[in-house]
N, C-alpha and C. Protein backbone atom coordinates (compact mmCIF):
# COMPACT_ATOMS: atom_id res chain seq x y z
N UNK A 1 20.12 0.73 -27.74
CA UNK A 1 20.41 -0.35 -26.84
C UNK A 1 21.30 -1.36 -27.57
N UNK A 2 22.33 -1.80 -26.88
CA UNK A 2 23.25 -2.75 -27.51
C UNK A 2 22.69 -4.16 -27.44
N UNK A 3 23.28 -5.05 -28.21
CA UNK A 3 22.80 -6.43 -28.30
C UNK A 3 22.84 -7.16 -26.97
N UNK A 4 23.92 -7.06 -26.15
CA UNK A 4 23.90 -7.74 -24.86
C UNK A 4 22.80 -7.24 -23.94
N UNK A 5 22.52 -5.92 -23.94
CA UNK A 5 21.45 -5.39 -23.10
C UNK A 5 20.10 -5.92 -23.53
N UNK A 6 19.89 -6.07 -24.83
CA UNK A 6 18.63 -6.61 -25.34
C UNK A 6 18.48 -8.06 -24.88
N UNK A 7 19.56 -8.84 -24.95
CA UNK A 7 19.51 -10.22 -24.49
C UNK A 7 19.23 -10.32 -23.01
N UNK A 8 19.82 -9.42 -22.22
CA UNK A 8 19.59 -9.43 -20.79
C UNK A 8 18.14 -9.06 -20.48
N UNK A 9 17.59 -8.09 -21.20
CA UNK A 9 16.19 -7.70 -20.99
C UNK A 9 15.27 -8.84 -21.35
N UNK A 10 15.57 -9.54 -22.42
CA UNK A 10 14.76 -10.69 -22.83
C UNK A 10 14.83 -11.79 -21.80
N UNK A 11 16.02 -12.03 -21.26
CA UNK A 11 16.18 -13.06 -20.22
C UNK A 11 15.41 -12.68 -18.96
N UNK A 12 15.48 -11.41 -18.58
CA UNK A 12 14.74 -10.93 -17.41
C UNK A 12 13.24 -11.06 -17.64
N UNK A 13 12.79 -10.74 -18.83
CA UNK A 13 11.38 -10.86 -19.17
C UNK A 13 10.91 -12.31 -19.06
N UNK A 14 11.71 -13.23 -19.57
CA UNK A 14 11.36 -14.65 -19.48
C UNK A 14 11.34 -15.14 -18.04
N UNK A 15 12.29 -14.67 -17.24
CA UNK A 15 12.34 -15.04 -15.83
C UNK A 15 11.11 -14.53 -15.10
N UNK A 16 10.71 -13.30 -15.40
CA UNK A 16 9.52 -12.73 -14.77
C UNK A 16 8.27 -13.53 -15.15
N UNK A 17 8.13 -13.87 -16.43
CA UNK A 17 6.97 -14.65 -16.87
C UNK A 17 6.93 -16.02 -16.18
N UNK A 18 8.08 -16.68 -16.09
CA UNK A 18 8.12 -17.99 -15.45
C UNK A 18 7.77 -17.89 -13.97
N UNK A 19 8.27 -16.85 -13.31
CA UNK A 19 7.97 -16.66 -11.89
C UNK A 19 6.48 -16.39 -11.67
N UNK A 20 5.91 -15.51 -12.50
CA UNK A 20 4.47 -15.24 -12.39
C UNK A 20 3.66 -16.51 -12.63
N UNK A 21 4.06 -17.30 -13.62
CA UNK A 21 3.34 -18.54 -13.93
C UNK A 21 3.45 -19.53 -12.77
N UNK A 22 4.64 -19.64 -12.19
CA UNK A 22 4.85 -20.61 -11.12
C UNK A 22 4.09 -20.26 -9.84
N UNK A 23 3.83 -18.98 -9.62
CA UNK A 23 3.21 -18.55 -8.36
C UNK A 23 1.83 -17.93 -8.54
N UNK A 24 1.16 -18.21 -9.63
CA UNK A 24 -0.11 -17.55 -9.90
C UNK A 24 -1.15 -17.87 -8.83
N UNK A 25 -1.11 -19.07 -8.24
CA UNK A 25 -2.09 -19.43 -7.20
C UNK A 25 -1.93 -18.55 -5.95
N UNK A 26 -0.68 -18.25 -5.58
CA UNK A 26 -0.46 -17.37 -4.43
C UNK A 26 -0.99 -15.97 -4.70
N UNK A 27 -0.75 -15.47 -5.91
CA UNK A 27 -1.29 -14.15 -6.27
C UNK A 27 -2.81 -14.15 -6.24
N UNK A 28 -3.42 -15.25 -6.70
CA UNK A 28 -4.89 -15.34 -6.71
C UNK A 28 -5.43 -15.41 -5.28
N UNK A 29 -4.76 -16.15 -4.39
CA UNK A 29 -5.20 -16.22 -2.99
C UNK A 29 -5.11 -14.84 -2.34
N UNK A 30 -4.05 -14.12 -2.61
CA UNK A 30 -3.92 -12.76 -2.08
C UNK A 30 -5.02 -11.86 -2.63
N UNK A 31 -5.37 -12.05 -3.89
CA UNK A 31 -6.43 -11.25 -4.51
C UNK A 31 -7.77 -11.49 -3.82
N UNK A 32 -8.08 -12.74 -3.51
CA UNK A 32 -9.34 -13.06 -2.83
C UNK A 32 -9.36 -12.44 -1.43
N UNK A 33 -8.25 -12.58 -0.70
CA UNK A 33 -8.18 -12.00 0.64
C UNK A 33 -8.34 -10.48 0.61
N UNK A 34 -7.67 -9.82 -0.32
CA UNK A 34 -7.81 -8.37 -0.45
C UNK A 34 -9.25 -7.96 -0.74
N UNK A 35 -9.91 -8.72 -1.58
CA UNK A 35 -11.30 -8.41 -1.95
C UNK A 35 -12.23 -8.56 -0.75
N UNK A 36 -12.07 -9.63 0.02
CA UNK A 36 -12.91 -9.85 1.21
C UNK A 36 -12.69 -8.75 2.24
N UNK A 37 -11.42 -8.41 2.50
CA UNK A 37 -11.12 -7.33 3.44
C UNK A 37 -11.66 -6.00 2.94
N UNK A 38 -11.59 -5.77 1.64
CA UNK A 38 -12.12 -4.54 1.06
C UNK A 38 -13.62 -4.41 1.24
N UNK A 39 -14.35 -5.50 1.05
CA UNK A 39 -15.80 -5.48 1.25
C UNK A 39 -16.13 -5.17 2.70
N UNK A 40 -15.39 -5.78 3.63
CA UNK A 40 -15.62 -5.52 5.06
C UNK A 40 -15.38 -4.05 5.39
N UNK A 41 -14.34 -3.46 4.83
CA UNK A 41 -14.03 -2.05 5.10
C UNK A 41 -15.09 -1.12 4.51
N UNK A 42 -15.65 -1.48 3.36
CA UNK A 42 -16.70 -0.66 2.74
C UNK A 42 -17.99 -0.73 3.55
N UNK A 43 -18.30 -1.90 4.07
CA UNK A 43 -19.52 -2.04 4.86
C UNK A 43 -19.45 -1.29 6.18
N UNK A 44 -18.26 -1.17 6.75
CA UNK A 44 -18.07 -0.48 8.02
C UNK A 44 -16.91 0.52 7.91
N UNK A 45 -17.08 1.60 7.13
CA UNK A 45 -15.93 2.49 6.86
C UNK A 45 -15.41 3.22 8.10
N UNK A 46 -16.29 3.67 8.97
CA UNK A 46 -15.81 4.39 10.17
C UNK A 46 -15.04 3.43 11.08
N UNK A 47 -15.55 2.23 11.25
CA UNK A 47 -14.87 1.22 12.07
C UNK A 47 -13.52 0.84 11.46
N UNK A 48 -13.49 0.67 10.14
CA UNK A 48 -12.23 0.34 9.46
C UNK A 48 -11.22 1.48 9.63
N UNK A 49 -11.69 2.72 9.56
CA UNK A 49 -10.79 3.86 9.74
C UNK A 49 -10.23 3.93 11.15
N UNK A 50 -11.09 3.73 12.14
CA UNK A 50 -10.63 3.74 13.54
C UNK A 50 -9.67 2.57 13.78
N UNK A 51 -9.99 1.40 13.22
CA UNK A 51 -9.11 0.24 13.38
C UNK A 51 -7.73 0.51 12.77
N UNK A 52 -7.71 1.15 11.61
CA UNK A 52 -6.43 1.49 10.98
C UNK A 52 -5.66 2.49 11.84
N UNK A 53 -6.35 3.45 12.42
CA UNK A 53 -5.71 4.44 13.27
C UNK A 53 -5.09 3.78 14.50
N UNK A 54 -5.83 2.90 15.13
CA UNK A 54 -5.32 2.20 16.32
C UNK A 54 -4.15 1.30 15.94
N UNK A 55 -4.25 0.62 14.82
CA UNK A 55 -3.17 -0.25 14.37
C UNK A 55 -1.89 0.56 14.17
N UNK A 56 -1.99 1.70 13.47
CA UNK A 56 -0.81 2.54 13.26
C UNK A 56 -0.29 3.12 14.57
N UNK A 57 -1.20 3.44 15.48
CA UNK A 57 -0.77 3.93 16.79
C UNK A 57 0.09 2.92 17.51
N UNK A 58 -0.34 1.67 17.51
CA UNK A 58 0.46 0.62 18.16
C UNK A 58 1.78 0.38 17.44
N UNK A 59 1.77 0.46 16.11
CA UNK A 59 3.02 0.30 15.37
C UNK A 59 4.03 1.37 15.76
N UNK A 60 3.59 2.62 15.80
CA UNK A 60 4.49 3.71 16.19
C UNK A 60 4.98 3.54 17.62
N UNK A 61 4.06 3.16 18.52
CA UNK A 61 4.42 3.02 19.93
C UNK A 61 5.46 1.93 20.12
N UNK A 62 5.23 0.77 19.55
CA UNK A 62 6.17 -0.34 19.68
C UNK A 62 7.51 0.01 19.03
N UNK A 63 7.46 0.57 17.83
CA UNK A 63 8.70 0.95 17.15
C UNK A 63 9.47 2.01 17.94
N UNK A 64 8.75 2.95 18.52
CA UNK A 64 9.39 3.99 19.31
C UNK A 64 10.06 3.44 20.56
N UNK A 65 9.36 2.58 21.29
CA UNK A 65 9.96 2.00 22.49
C UNK A 65 11.14 1.09 22.14
N UNK A 66 11.04 0.37 21.06
CA UNK A 66 12.17 -0.45 20.61
C UNK A 66 13.35 0.46 20.25
N UNK A 67 13.07 1.56 19.57
CA UNK A 67 14.12 2.51 19.24
C UNK A 67 14.77 3.09 20.48
N UNK A 68 13.97 3.44 21.50
CA UNK A 68 14.52 3.95 22.75
C UNK A 68 15.42 2.92 23.42
N UNK A 69 14.95 1.67 23.45
CA UNK A 69 15.72 0.59 24.08
C UNK A 69 17.08 0.43 23.40
N UNK A 70 17.07 0.31 22.08
CA UNK A 70 18.33 0.07 21.37
C UNK A 70 19.22 1.31 21.33
N UNK A 71 18.62 2.49 21.25
CA UNK A 71 19.40 3.71 21.21
C UNK A 71 20.11 3.94 22.54
N UNK A 72 19.43 3.71 23.65
CA UNK A 72 20.07 3.92 24.95
C UNK A 72 21.18 2.91 25.21
N UNK A 73 21.18 1.81 24.53
CA UNK A 73 22.24 0.81 24.66
C UNK A 73 23.48 1.21 23.86
N UNK A 74 23.33 2.17 22.97
CA UNK A 74 24.45 2.58 22.11
C UNK A 74 24.70 4.07 22.25
N UNK A 75 24.90 4.52 23.47
CA UNK A 75 25.05 5.96 23.74
C UNK A 75 26.25 6.58 23.05
N UNK A 76 27.30 5.84 22.85
CA UNK A 76 28.50 6.40 22.23
C UNK A 76 28.49 6.35 20.71
N UNK A 77 27.44 5.79 20.13
CA UNK A 77 27.38 5.65 18.68
C UNK A 77 27.15 7.00 18.01
N UNK A 78 27.68 7.17 16.80
CA UNK A 78 27.41 8.42 16.07
C UNK A 78 25.91 8.59 15.82
N UNK A 79 25.43 9.79 15.96
CA UNK A 79 24.02 10.08 15.71
C UNK A 79 23.11 9.69 16.85
N UNK A 80 23.68 9.51 18.06
CA UNK A 80 22.88 9.09 19.21
C UNK A 80 21.71 10.04 19.46
N UNK A 81 21.98 11.33 19.43
CA UNK A 81 20.93 12.31 19.71
C UNK A 81 19.80 12.25 18.70
N UNK A 82 20.15 12.10 17.42
CA UNK A 82 19.12 12.02 16.38
C UNK A 82 18.31 10.73 16.51
N UNK A 83 18.98 9.65 16.84
CA UNK A 83 18.26 8.38 17.03
C UNK A 83 17.30 8.47 18.21
N UNK A 84 17.76 9.13 19.28
CA UNK A 84 16.91 9.30 20.45
C UNK A 84 15.69 10.15 20.11
N UNK A 85 15.91 11.25 19.39
CA UNK A 85 14.78 12.10 18.98
C UNK A 85 13.80 11.35 18.08
N UNK A 86 14.33 10.57 17.15
CA UNK A 86 13.47 9.79 16.25
C UNK A 86 12.60 8.81 17.03
N UNK A 87 13.20 8.14 18.01
CA UNK A 87 12.43 7.19 18.82
C UNK A 87 11.37 7.91 19.65
N UNK A 88 11.72 9.07 20.20
CA UNK A 88 10.75 9.83 20.99
C UNK A 88 9.59 10.32 20.13
N UNK A 89 9.87 10.73 18.89
CA UNK A 89 8.80 11.17 17.98
C UNK A 89 7.86 9.99 17.68
N UNK A 90 8.43 8.81 17.47
CA UNK A 90 7.59 7.63 17.20
C UNK A 90 6.71 7.32 18.40
N UNK A 91 7.26 7.39 19.60
CA UNK A 91 6.46 7.14 20.81
C UNK A 91 5.35 8.18 20.92
N UNK A 92 5.68 9.44 20.69
CA UNK A 92 4.68 10.51 20.77
C UNK A 92 3.58 10.31 19.73
N UNK A 93 3.95 9.95 18.51
CA UNK A 93 2.95 9.71 17.47
C UNK A 93 2.03 8.56 17.86
N UNK A 94 2.61 7.50 18.40
CA UNK A 94 1.79 6.36 18.84
C UNK A 94 0.83 6.74 19.94
N UNK A 95 1.31 7.48 20.93
CA UNK A 95 0.46 7.90 22.04
C UNK A 95 -0.67 8.79 21.53
N UNK A 96 -0.35 9.75 20.65
CA UNK A 96 -1.38 10.65 20.13
C UNK A 96 -2.45 9.89 19.34
N UNK A 97 -2.05 8.94 18.50
CA UNK A 97 -3.02 8.17 17.72
C UNK A 97 -3.90 7.31 18.63
N UNK A 98 -3.31 6.74 19.66
CA UNK A 98 -4.09 5.89 20.56
C UNK A 98 -4.92 6.71 21.55
N UNK A 99 -4.44 7.88 21.95
CA UNK A 99 -5.16 8.72 22.90
C UNK A 99 -6.43 9.28 22.29
N UNK A 100 -6.36 9.70 21.04
CA UNK A 100 -7.52 10.28 20.38
C UNK A 100 -7.62 9.72 18.95
N UNK A 101 -8.16 8.51 18.81
CA UNK A 101 -8.21 7.90 17.49
C UNK A 101 -8.99 8.71 16.45
N UNK A 102 -10.00 9.48 16.86
CA UNK A 102 -10.75 10.29 15.88
C UNK A 102 -9.88 11.38 15.28
N UNK A 103 -9.10 12.06 16.11
CA UNK A 103 -8.18 13.07 15.58
C UNK A 103 -7.12 12.40 14.73
N UNK A 104 -6.66 11.24 15.19
CA UNK A 104 -5.69 10.48 14.40
C UNK A 104 -6.26 10.04 13.07
N UNK A 105 -7.55 9.74 13.06
CA UNK A 105 -8.23 9.35 11.83
C UNK A 105 -8.17 10.48 10.79
N UNK A 106 -8.35 11.71 11.25
CA UNK A 106 -8.28 12.86 10.34
C UNK A 106 -6.86 12.99 9.77
N UNK A 107 -5.87 12.89 10.64
CA UNK A 107 -4.48 13.00 10.19
C UNK A 107 -4.14 11.89 9.22
N UNK A 108 -4.54 10.67 9.55
CA UNK A 108 -4.25 9.55 8.66
C UNK A 108 -4.97 9.69 7.33
N UNK A 109 -6.13 10.31 7.33
CA UNK A 109 -6.84 10.52 6.07
C UNK A 109 -6.03 11.44 5.15
N UNK A 110 -5.44 12.48 5.73
CA UNK A 110 -4.56 13.35 4.93
C UNK A 110 -3.37 12.57 4.39
N UNK A 111 -2.78 11.76 5.25
CA UNK A 111 -1.63 10.95 4.82
C UNK A 111 -2.07 9.96 3.73
N UNK A 112 -3.25 9.37 3.90
CA UNK A 112 -3.75 8.41 2.93
C UNK A 112 -3.99 9.07 1.56
N UNK A 113 -4.49 10.27 1.56
CA UNK A 113 -4.70 10.98 0.30
C UNK A 113 -3.37 11.16 -0.42
N UNK A 114 -2.35 11.56 0.32
CA UNK A 114 -1.01 11.71 -0.28
C UNK A 114 -0.51 10.36 -0.79
N UNK A 115 -0.73 9.31 0.00
CA UNK A 115 -0.31 7.98 -0.42
C UNK A 115 -1.00 7.57 -1.72
N UNK A 116 -2.31 7.78 -1.81
CA UNK A 116 -3.03 7.37 -3.01
C UNK A 116 -2.59 8.15 -4.25
N UNK A 117 -2.20 9.37 -4.06
CA UNK A 117 -1.69 10.13 -5.20
C UNK A 117 -0.40 9.49 -5.71
N UNK A 118 0.55 9.25 -4.80
CA UNK A 118 1.81 8.64 -5.21
C UNK A 118 1.62 7.20 -5.68
N UNK A 119 0.81 6.43 -4.94
CA UNK A 119 0.57 5.04 -5.31
C UNK A 119 -0.10 4.94 -6.66
N UNK A 120 -1.05 5.82 -6.93
CA UNK A 120 -1.73 5.82 -8.22
C UNK A 120 -0.76 6.01 -9.37
N UNK A 121 0.14 6.97 -9.21
CA UNK A 121 1.13 7.22 -10.26
C UNK A 121 2.03 6.00 -10.43
N UNK A 122 2.51 5.41 -9.32
CA UNK A 122 3.42 4.27 -9.41
C UNK A 122 2.72 3.03 -9.97
N UNK A 123 1.45 2.80 -9.62
CA UNK A 123 0.72 1.65 -10.15
C UNK A 123 0.50 1.81 -11.65
N UNK A 124 0.24 3.02 -12.09
CA UNK A 124 0.09 3.27 -13.53
C UNK A 124 1.40 2.93 -14.25
N UNK A 125 2.52 3.36 -13.69
CA UNK A 125 3.82 3.04 -14.30
C UNK A 125 4.08 1.53 -14.27
N UNK A 126 3.69 0.87 -13.18
CA UNK A 126 3.83 -0.58 -13.09
C UNK A 126 2.98 -1.27 -14.15
N UNK A 127 1.77 -0.78 -14.35
CA UNK A 127 0.89 -1.36 -15.37
C UNK A 127 1.51 -1.23 -16.75
N UNK A 128 2.09 -0.08 -17.02
CA UNK A 128 2.72 0.11 -18.32
C UNK A 128 3.91 -0.83 -18.49
N UNK A 129 4.62 -1.11 -17.41
CA UNK A 129 5.72 -2.06 -17.47
C UNK A 129 5.19 -3.48 -17.70
N UNK A 130 4.09 -3.84 -17.03
CA UNK A 130 3.50 -5.17 -17.20
C UNK A 130 2.89 -5.33 -18.58
N UNK A 131 2.56 -4.24 -19.22
CA UNK A 131 2.00 -4.32 -20.58
C UNK A 131 2.98 -5.06 -21.49
N UNK A 132 4.25 -4.87 -21.24
CA UNK A 132 5.27 -5.54 -22.05
C UNK A 132 5.36 -7.03 -21.72
N UNK A 133 5.03 -7.39 -20.46
CA UNK A 133 5.19 -8.78 -20.02
C UNK A 133 3.91 -9.60 -20.20
N UNK A 134 2.79 -9.00 -19.96
CA UNK A 134 1.51 -9.70 -20.04
C UNK A 134 0.70 -9.09 -21.19
N UNK A 135 0.35 -9.91 -22.13
CA UNK A 135 -0.33 -9.39 -23.31
C UNK A 135 -1.72 -8.85 -22.99
N UNK A 136 -2.37 -9.41 -22.00
CA UNK A 136 -3.71 -8.97 -21.62
C UNK A 136 -3.76 -8.73 -20.12
N UNK A 137 -4.79 -8.09 -19.69
CA UNK A 137 -5.10 -7.87 -18.28
C UNK A 137 -4.25 -6.80 -17.58
N UNK A 138 -3.23 -6.26 -18.24
CA UNK A 138 -2.48 -5.19 -17.62
C UNK A 138 -3.35 -3.96 -17.42
N UNK A 139 -4.46 -3.90 -18.18
CA UNK A 139 -5.37 -2.76 -18.07
C UNK A 139 -5.99 -2.67 -16.67
N UNK A 140 -6.13 -3.82 -15.99
CA UNK A 140 -6.68 -3.82 -14.63
C UNK A 140 -5.75 -3.07 -13.69
N UNK A 141 -4.46 -3.27 -13.84
CA UNK A 141 -3.50 -2.54 -13.01
C UNK A 141 -3.58 -1.04 -13.32
N UNK A 142 -3.70 -0.71 -14.60
CA UNK A 142 -3.82 0.68 -15.00
C UNK A 142 -5.07 1.29 -14.36
N UNK A 143 -6.18 0.55 -14.40
CA UNK A 143 -7.42 1.04 -13.78
C UNK A 143 -7.24 1.24 -12.29
N UNK A 144 -6.49 0.33 -11.62
CA UNK A 144 -6.25 0.48 -10.19
C UNK A 144 -5.52 1.79 -9.90
N UNK A 145 -4.52 2.13 -10.69
CA UNK A 145 -3.80 3.38 -10.49
C UNK A 145 -4.69 4.59 -10.72
N UNK A 146 -5.52 4.54 -11.75
CA UNK A 146 -6.43 5.64 -12.04
C UNK A 146 -7.47 5.80 -10.92
N UNK A 147 -7.97 4.67 -10.40
CA UNK A 147 -8.92 4.70 -9.28
C UNK A 147 -8.28 5.35 -8.06
N UNK A 148 -7.02 5.02 -7.78
CA UNK A 148 -6.33 5.65 -6.65
C UNK A 148 -6.34 7.17 -6.78
N UNK A 149 -6.00 7.67 -7.97
CA UNK A 149 -6.00 9.11 -8.18
C UNK A 149 -7.40 9.71 -8.07
N UNK A 150 -8.39 8.98 -8.59
CA UNK A 150 -9.78 9.44 -8.52
C UNK A 150 -10.25 9.52 -7.07
N UNK A 151 -9.94 8.50 -6.26
CA UNK A 151 -10.35 8.49 -4.86
C UNK A 151 -9.71 9.63 -4.08
N UNK A 152 -8.44 9.90 -4.35
CA UNK A 152 -7.78 11.02 -3.69
C UNK A 152 -8.50 12.33 -4.04
N UNK A 153 -8.90 12.47 -5.30
CA UNK A 153 -9.62 13.67 -5.71
C UNK A 153 -10.97 13.81 -5.02
N UNK A 154 -11.69 12.70 -4.84
CA UNK A 154 -12.99 12.75 -4.16
C UNK A 154 -12.84 13.22 -2.73
N UNK A 155 -11.87 12.66 -2.01
CA UNK A 155 -11.68 13.04 -0.61
C UNK A 155 -11.28 14.51 -0.50
N UNK A 156 -10.38 14.95 -1.35
CA UNK A 156 -9.94 16.34 -1.30
C UNK A 156 -11.11 17.28 -1.59
N UNK A 157 -11.94 16.93 -2.55
CA UNK A 157 -13.05 17.81 -2.92
C UNK A 157 -14.16 17.85 -1.87
N UNK A 158 -14.27 16.83 -1.03
CA UNK A 158 -15.34 16.78 -0.04
C UNK A 158 -14.93 17.14 1.37
N UNK A 159 -13.69 17.58 1.55
CA UNK A 159 -13.23 17.91 2.91
C UNK A 159 -13.95 19.12 3.44
N UNK A 160 -14.23 19.21 4.71
CA UNK A 160 -13.86 18.32 5.80
C UNK A 160 -14.86 17.21 6.06
N UNK A 161 -16.00 17.22 5.39
CA UNK A 161 -17.05 16.22 5.67
C UNK A 161 -16.64 14.79 5.40
N UNK A 162 -15.70 14.57 4.52
CA UNK A 162 -15.30 13.22 4.16
C UNK A 162 -14.31 12.60 5.15
N UNK A 163 -13.79 13.39 6.06
CA UNK A 163 -12.72 12.90 6.93
C UNK A 163 -13.13 11.76 7.85
N UNK A 164 -14.39 11.71 8.27
CA UNK A 164 -14.82 10.68 9.23
C UNK A 164 -14.90 9.30 8.60
N UNK A 165 -15.42 9.22 7.40
CA UNK A 165 -15.64 7.90 6.79
C UNK A 165 -14.71 7.58 5.63
N UNK A 166 -13.96 8.57 5.15
CA UNK A 166 -13.18 8.38 3.93
C UNK A 166 -12.08 7.34 4.08
N UNK A 167 -11.37 7.34 5.19
CA UNK A 167 -10.25 6.42 5.35
C UNK A 167 -10.68 4.97 5.18
N UNK A 168 -11.70 4.55 5.92
CA UNK A 168 -12.17 3.17 5.81
C UNK A 168 -12.73 2.84 4.44
N UNK A 169 -13.50 3.76 3.88
CA UNK A 169 -14.09 3.51 2.56
C UNK A 169 -13.02 3.42 1.48
N UNK A 170 -12.06 4.32 1.52
CA UNK A 170 -11.01 4.31 0.51
C UNK A 170 -10.14 3.06 0.64
N UNK A 171 -9.83 2.70 1.87
CA UNK A 171 -9.06 1.47 2.06
C UNK A 171 -9.82 0.29 1.46
N UNK A 172 -11.13 0.22 1.70
CA UNK A 172 -11.93 -0.87 1.17
C UNK A 172 -11.98 -0.89 -0.35
N UNK A 173 -12.22 0.27 -0.94
CA UNK A 173 -12.29 0.34 -2.41
C UNK A 173 -10.94 -0.01 -3.02
N UNK A 174 -9.87 0.54 -2.44
CA UNK A 174 -8.55 0.23 -2.97
C UNK A 174 -8.23 -1.25 -2.85
N UNK A 175 -8.62 -1.87 -1.75
CA UNK A 175 -8.38 -3.31 -1.59
C UNK A 175 -9.14 -4.12 -2.63
N UNK A 176 -10.37 -3.73 -2.91
CA UNK A 176 -11.16 -4.46 -3.91
C UNK A 176 -10.52 -4.33 -5.29
N UNK A 177 -10.16 -3.10 -5.68
CA UNK A 177 -9.54 -2.92 -6.99
C UNK A 177 -8.15 -3.54 -7.04
N UNK A 178 -7.42 -3.46 -5.94
CA UNK A 178 -6.12 -4.12 -5.88
C UNK A 178 -6.27 -5.62 -6.00
N UNK A 179 -7.27 -6.18 -5.32
CA UNK A 179 -7.53 -7.62 -5.43
C UNK A 179 -7.95 -8.01 -6.84
N UNK A 180 -8.78 -7.18 -7.47
CA UNK A 180 -9.23 -7.48 -8.84
C UNK A 180 -8.06 -7.44 -9.81
N UNK A 181 -7.19 -6.42 -9.67
CA UNK A 181 -6.06 -6.33 -10.60
C UNK A 181 -5.07 -7.46 -10.37
N UNK A 182 -4.84 -7.80 -9.11
CA UNK A 182 -3.93 -8.90 -8.80
C UNK A 182 -4.51 -10.23 -9.28
N UNK A 183 -5.82 -10.40 -9.10
CA UNK A 183 -6.47 -11.63 -9.57
C UNK A 183 -6.42 -11.75 -11.09
N UNK A 184 -6.64 -10.64 -11.78
CA UNK A 184 -6.57 -10.67 -13.24
C UNK A 184 -5.16 -11.01 -13.70
N UNK A 185 -4.17 -10.44 -13.03
CA UNK A 185 -2.79 -10.74 -13.38
C UNK A 185 -2.47 -12.22 -13.11
N UNK A 186 -2.96 -12.75 -11.98
CA UNK A 186 -2.72 -14.15 -11.64
C UNK A 186 -3.36 -15.08 -12.67
N UNK A 187 -4.59 -14.78 -13.07
CA UNK A 187 -5.28 -15.63 -14.05
C UNK A 187 -4.59 -15.55 -15.41
N UNK A 188 -4.08 -14.39 -15.76
CA UNK A 188 -3.33 -14.27 -17.02
C UNK A 188 -2.03 -15.05 -16.93
N UNK A 189 -1.34 -14.94 -15.78
CA UNK A 189 -0.06 -15.65 -15.62
C UNK A 189 -0.26 -17.16 -15.63
N UNK A 190 -1.43 -17.63 -15.24
CA UNK A 190 -1.72 -19.06 -15.23
C UNK A 190 -1.61 -19.62 -16.64
N UNK A 191 -1.99 -18.81 -17.63
CA UNK A 191 -1.98 -19.28 -19.01
C UNK A 191 -0.67 -19.03 -19.74
N UNK A 192 0.19 -18.17 -19.16
CA UNK A 192 1.47 -17.89 -19.80
C UNK A 192 2.33 -19.15 -19.79
N UNK A 193 3.00 -19.40 -20.87
CA UNK A 193 3.90 -20.55 -20.94
C UNK A 193 5.18 -20.24 -20.20
N UNK A 194 5.66 -21.19 -19.38
CA UNK A 194 6.90 -20.94 -18.62
C UNK A 194 8.12 -20.90 -19.50
């Protein structure tokens, strides 16, 4: 690495530390909210899973209808047919999730397992990056990534029995660990000198 790149990395590192220090209260507030929502999801995992399914159903439905509206207004635009198909797929996905939330819950559980695998890997990499910026507490982020991978493994090993309650429970556990890691980072950033 050349000298200017080292100086730029040092400047970026200082900027990141100052930003974390300046906004540590916001990170801590988000951590508390995540923890409370996580506890609620753990106490009622099936309800949390159904709620997530319905929420995603409405997101797809609204996005699909918006896509249809805007796509039909631009009939001469390149890719009109693909845009129309994309919007119709979103509408269909929304209708299917809302029509049968239990079946949607199973599908979303599969998607969630894939998400936790990728998220776990990315959070671990993020933790390793924060290790350079924060002298302590980066281990909480590392633990969060490892927990994500562990939870994905539990659901996969218990299928199909885990499909009914796993989505809500995993969302809750992930929120609690995410809140704990974010809170630890916020408390560490509070002490970092700007």
